[in-house]
Amino acid sequence: MTVRKIQAGDIVSRIFYIRGKKVMLDSDLASVYGVETKVLNQAVKRNLKRFPDDFFFQLTNEEWNSLRSQIVTFEVLPYDHRPLAGK
């Protein structure tokens, strides 16, 4: 296993406020752990009992569009779905 050094600023810049909670998008969290987004989401779904009920939620279209409009870099990400957010 390769250990990657993660800077605090890298994490902080990926935290957003959605529904009054601090959250990270599934793709950002997967990147922190060095796995594909699909792999992270599958692991969470297989182990739902280990997480609080509100650990992950699907962004609404309005939330996703609002977030994308605020952060130009999202325009180039290969999202074909609304991402999950985790707190």
N, C-alpha and C. Protein backbone atom coordinates (compact mmCIF):
# COMPACT_ATOMS: atom_id res chain seq x y z
N MET A 1 0.83 -1.17 0.00
CA MET A 1 0.00 0.00 0.00
C MET A 1 0.88 1.24 0.00
N THR A 2 0.63 2.15 -0.92
CA THR A 2 1.39 3.38 -1.01
C THR A 2 0.73 4.44 -0.13
N VAL A 3 1.53 5.07 0.71
CA VAL A 3 1.02 6.12 1.58
C VAL A 3 1.21 7.45 0.87
N ARG A 4 0.11 8.21 0.75
CA ARG A 4 0.17 9.52 0.11
C ARG A 4 0.07 10.60 1.18
N LYS A 5 0.86 11.63 1.03
CA LYS A 5 0.81 12.74 1.96
C LYS A 5 -0.27 13.71 1.48
N ILE A 6 -1.21 14.00 2.35
CA ILE A 6 -2.33 14.87 2.01
C ILE A 6 -2.21 16.15 2.83
N GLN A 7 -2.28 17.27 2.16
CA GLN A 7 -2.22 18.56 2.82
C GLN A 7 -3.60 18.94 3.33
N ALA A 8 -3.66 19.59 4.49
CA ALA A 8 -4.94 20.01 5.07
C ALA A 8 -5.70 20.90 4.11
N GLY A 9 -5.01 21.76 3.40
CA GLY A 9 -5.67 22.65 2.44
C GLY A 9 -6.36 21.90 1.33
N ASP A 10 -5.81 20.75 0.94
CA ASP A 10 -6.44 19.93 -0.09
C ASP A 10 -7.79 19.42 0.38
N ILE A 11 -7.88 19.07 1.64
CA ILE A 11 -9.14 18.57 2.20
C ILE A 11 -10.13 19.72 2.37
N VAL A 12 -9.67 20.80 2.99
CA VAL A 12 -10.54 21.93 3.29
C VAL A 12 -11.17 22.49 2.01
N SER A 13 -10.40 22.54 0.93
CA SER A 13 -10.92 23.10 -0.32
C SER A 13 -12.00 22.21 -0.95
N ARG A 14 -12.13 20.99 -0.46
CA ARG A 14 -13.12 20.05 -1.00
C ARG A 14 -14.35 19.91 -0.12
N ILE A 15 -14.43 20.71 0.92
CA ILE A 15 -15.58 20.68 1.82
C ILE A 15 -16.56 21.77 1.41
N PHE A 16 -17.83 21.39 1.28
CA PHE A 16 -18.88 22.32 0.89
C PHE A 16 -19.98 22.30 1.93
N TYR A 17 -20.75 23.37 1.98
CA TYR A 17 -21.93 23.41 2.84
C TYR A 17 -23.16 23.13 2.00
N ILE A 18 -23.80 22.02 2.27
CA ILE A 18 -25.02 21.63 1.57
C ILE A 18 -26.01 21.16 2.62
N ARG A 19 -27.22 21.67 2.54
CA ARG A 19 -28.27 21.34 3.52
C ARG A 19 -27.83 21.68 4.94
N GLY A 20 -27.00 22.71 5.06
CA GLY A 20 -26.56 23.15 6.38
C GLY A 20 -25.51 22.27 7.02
N LYS A 21 -24.93 21.38 6.23
CA LYS A 21 -23.92 20.46 6.75
C LYS A 21 -22.63 20.57 5.94
N LYS A 22 -21.51 20.32 6.60
CA LYS A 22 -20.23 20.23 5.89
C LYS A 22 -20.16 18.87 5.23
N VAL A 23 -19.94 18.86 3.91
CA VAL A 23 -19.90 17.60 3.17
C VAL A 23 -18.76 17.59 2.17
N MET A 24 -18.39 16.39 1.75
CA MET A 24 -17.47 16.20 0.63
C MET A 24 -18.19 15.37 -0.42
N LEU A 25 -17.92 15.66 -1.68
CA LEU A 25 -18.49 14.85 -2.75
C LEU A 25 -17.82 13.49 -2.79
N ASP A 26 -18.55 12.51 -3.27
CA ASP A 26 -18.01 11.15 -3.30
C ASP A 26 -16.71 11.07 -4.07
N SER A 27 -16.60 11.80 -5.16
CA SER A 27 -15.37 11.74 -5.97
C SER A 27 -14.18 12.31 -5.21
N ASP A 28 -14.41 13.37 -4.43
CA ASP A 28 -13.32 13.97 -3.65
C ASP A 28 -12.89 13.04 -2.52
N LEU A 29 -13.85 12.42 -1.86
CA LEU A 29 -13.53 11.50 -0.77
C LEU A 29 -12.78 10.28 -1.31
N ALA A 30 -13.22 9.79 -2.46
CA ALA A 30 -12.53 8.66 -3.09
C ALA A 30 -11.10 9.04 -3.44
N SER A 31 -10.90 10.24 -3.93
CA SER A 31 -9.56 10.71 -4.27
C SER A 31 -8.66 10.76 -3.04
N VAL A 32 -9.20 11.21 -1.91
CA VAL A 32 -8.42 11.25 -0.67
C VAL A 32 -7.95 9.85 -0.29
N TYR A 33 -8.82 8.86 -0.47
CA TYR A 33 -8.48 7.49 -0.11
C TYR A 33 -7.76 6.73 -1.23
N GLY A 34 -7.61 7.37 -2.39
CA GLY A 34 -6.88 6.75 -3.49
C GLY A 34 -7.62 5.61 -4.16
N VAL A 35 -8.95 5.70 -4.20
CA VAL A 35 -9.76 4.68 -4.86
C VAL A 35 -10.69 5.35 -5.88
N GLU A 36 -11.27 4.56 -6.75
CA GLU A 36 -12.24 5.09 -7.70
C GLU A 36 -13.54 5.40 -6.96
N THR A 37 -14.27 6.38 -7.46
CA THR A 37 -15.54 6.78 -6.86
C THR A 37 -16.50 5.59 -6.79
N LYS A 38 -16.55 4.82 -7.84
CA LYS A 38 -17.44 3.65 -7.89
C LYS A 38 -17.10 2.66 -6.77
N VAL A 39 -15.82 2.47 -6.52
CA VAL A 39 -15.37 1.53 -5.49
C VAL A 39 -15.79 2.04 -4.10
N LEU A 40 -15.61 3.34 -3.86
CA LEU A 40 -16.02 3.92 -2.57
C LEU A 40 -17.52 3.75 -2.36
N ASN A 41 -18.31 4.09 -3.36
CA ASN A 41 -19.77 3.99 -3.23
C ASN A 41 -20.22 2.55 -3.02
N GLN A 42 -19.60 1.61 -3.70
CA GLN A 42 -19.95 0.20 -3.51
C GLN A 42 -19.61 -0.26 -2.09
N ALA A 43 -18.45 0.18 -1.58
CA ALA A 43 -18.05 -0.21 -0.23
C ALA A 43 -19.03 0.33 0.81
N VAL A 44 -19.46 1.57 0.63
CA VAL A 44 -20.42 2.15 1.57
C VAL A 44 -21.74 1.40 1.50
N LYS A 45 -22.23 1.12 0.30
CA LYS A 45 -23.50 0.41 0.14
C LYS A 45 -23.45 -0.99 0.73
N ARG A 46 -22.29 -1.66 0.63
CA ARG A 46 -22.15 -3.00 1.20
C ARG A 46 -22.09 -2.97 2.72
N ASN A 47 -21.73 -1.83 3.29
CA ASN A 47 -21.53 -1.73 4.73
C ASN A 47 -22.39 -0.65 5.36
N LEU A 48 -23.61 -0.49 4.88
CA LEU A 48 -24.49 0.58 5.35
C LEU A 48 -24.69 0.60 6.86
N LYS A 49 -24.68 -0.56 7.48
CA LYS A 49 -24.91 -0.62 8.93
C LYS A 49 -23.78 0.02 9.73
N ARG A 50 -22.64 0.22 9.10
CA ARG A 50 -21.49 0.82 9.80
C ARG A 50 -21.53 2.36 9.77
N PHE A 51 -22.45 2.93 9.02
CA PHE A 51 -22.52 4.37 8.85
C PHE A 51 -23.84 4.92 9.42
N PRO A 52 -23.83 6.16 9.89
CA PRO A 52 -25.09 6.79 10.31
C PRO A 52 -26.05 6.88 9.12
N ASP A 53 -27.34 6.94 9.40
CA ASP A 53 -28.34 6.99 8.34
C ASP A 53 -28.13 8.14 7.37
N ASP A 54 -27.64 9.26 7.87
CA ASP A 54 -27.48 10.43 7.02
C ASP A 54 -26.04 10.63 6.56
N PHE A 55 -25.24 9.56 6.56
CA PHE A 55 -23.84 9.67 6.16
C PHE A 55 -23.70 10.10 4.71
N PHE A 56 -24.47 9.51 3.82
CA PHE A 56 -24.46 9.85 2.40
C PHE A 56 -25.85 10.28 1.98
N PHE A 57 -25.91 11.23 1.05
CA PHE A 57 -27.18 11.57 0.43
C PHE A 57 -26.94 11.99 -1.01
N GLN A 58 -27.95 11.78 -1.83
CA GLN A 58 -27.88 12.15 -3.25
C GLN A 58 -28.23 13.62 -3.38
N LEU A 59 -27.40 14.37 -4.08
CA LEU A 59 -27.70 15.77 -4.32
C LEU A 59 -28.92 15.88 -5.23
N THR A 60 -29.74 16.89 -4.99
CA THR A 60 -30.85 17.16 -5.90
C THR A 60 -30.28 17.83 -7.14
N ASN A 61 -31.09 17.89 -8.20
CA ASN A 61 -30.64 18.59 -9.40
C ASN A 61 -30.32 20.04 -9.09
N GLU A 62 -31.13 20.66 -8.26
CA GLU A 62 -30.92 22.06 -7.92
C GLU A 62 -29.61 22.25 -7.15
N GLU A 63 -29.35 21.35 -6.19
CA GLU A 63 -28.09 21.43 -5.42
C GLU A 63 -26.88 21.24 -6.33
N TRP A 64 -26.97 20.27 -7.22
CA TRP A 64 -25.87 19.97 -8.12
C TRP A 64 -25.62 21.15 -9.08
N ASN A 65 -26.69 21.69 -9.65
CA ASN A 65 -26.54 22.82 -10.57
C ASN A 65 -25.98 24.04 -9.86
N SER A 66 -26.41 24.28 -8.65
CA SER A 66 -25.92 25.41 -7.87
C SER A 66 -24.43 25.24 -7.57
N LEU A 67 -24.04 24.05 -7.16
CA LEU A 67 -22.64 23.78 -6.85
C LEU A 67 -21.77 23.92 -8.09
N ARG A 68 -22.24 23.39 -9.19
CA ARG A 68 -21.48 23.48 -10.44
C ARG A 68 -21.32 24.91 -10.90
N SER A 69 -22.34 25.73 -10.70
CA SER A 69 -22.25 27.12 -11.14
C SER A 69 -21.28 27.92 -10.27
N GLN A 70 -21.08 27.48 -9.03
CA GLN A 70 -20.17 28.17 -8.13
C GLN A 70 -18.71 27.80 -8.38
N ILE A 71 -18.49 26.61 -8.87
CA ILE A 71 -17.12 26.11 -9.02
C ILE A 71 -16.91 25.70 -10.46
N VAL A 72 -16.21 26.53 -11.19
CA VAL A 72 -16.02 26.33 -12.62
C VAL A 72 -15.34 25.01 -12.92
N THR A 73 -14.44 24.54 -12.07
CA THR A 73 -13.71 23.32 -12.36
C THR A 73 -14.61 22.10 -12.46
N PHE A 74 -15.79 22.16 -11.86
CA PHE A 74 -16.71 21.03 -11.98
C PHE A 74 -17.19 20.85 -13.41
N GLU A 75 -17.16 21.90 -14.19
CA GLU A 75 -17.63 21.83 -15.56
C GLU A 75 -16.84 20.79 -16.37
N VAL A 76 -15.58 20.56 -15.99
CA VAL A 76 -14.74 19.65 -16.76
C VAL A 76 -14.71 18.24 -16.19
N LEU A 77 -15.34 18.03 -15.05
CA LEU A 77 -15.35 16.69 -14.47
C LEU A 77 -16.31 15.79 -15.23
N PRO A 78 -15.99 14.52 -15.33
CA PRO A 78 -16.80 13.60 -16.13
C PRO A 78 -18.04 13.08 -15.40
N TYR A 79 -18.81 13.98 -14.82
CA TYR A 79 -20.03 13.54 -14.13
C TYR A 79 -21.17 13.37 -15.12
N ASP A 80 -21.77 12.22 -15.12
CA ASP A 80 -22.98 12.02 -15.90
C ASP A 80 -24.15 11.74 -14.96
N HIS A 81 -23.92 12.00 -13.68
CA HIS A 81 -24.94 11.78 -12.66
C HIS A 81 -24.74 12.81 -11.56
N ARG A 82 -25.74 12.97 -10.72
CA ARG A 82 -25.57 13.81 -9.54
C ARG A 82 -24.72 13.04 -8.55
N PRO A 83 -23.69 13.65 -8.02
CA PRO A 83 -22.83 12.94 -7.08
C PRO A 83 -23.48 12.75 -5.73
N LEU A 84 -22.92 11.84 -4.97
CA LEU A 84 -23.31 11.66 -3.58
C LEU A 84 -22.48 12.59 -2.72
N ALA A 85 -23.03 13.01 -1.62
CA ALA A 85 -22.29 13.83 -0.67
C ALA A 85 -22.27 13.10 0.66
N GLY A 86 -21.17 13.16 1.33
CA GLY A 86 -21.04 12.52 2.64
C GLY A 86 -20.56 13.51 3.66
N LYS A 87 -21.09 13.37 4.88
CA LYS A 87 -20.65 14.30 5.93
C LYS A 87 -19.70 13.65 6.88
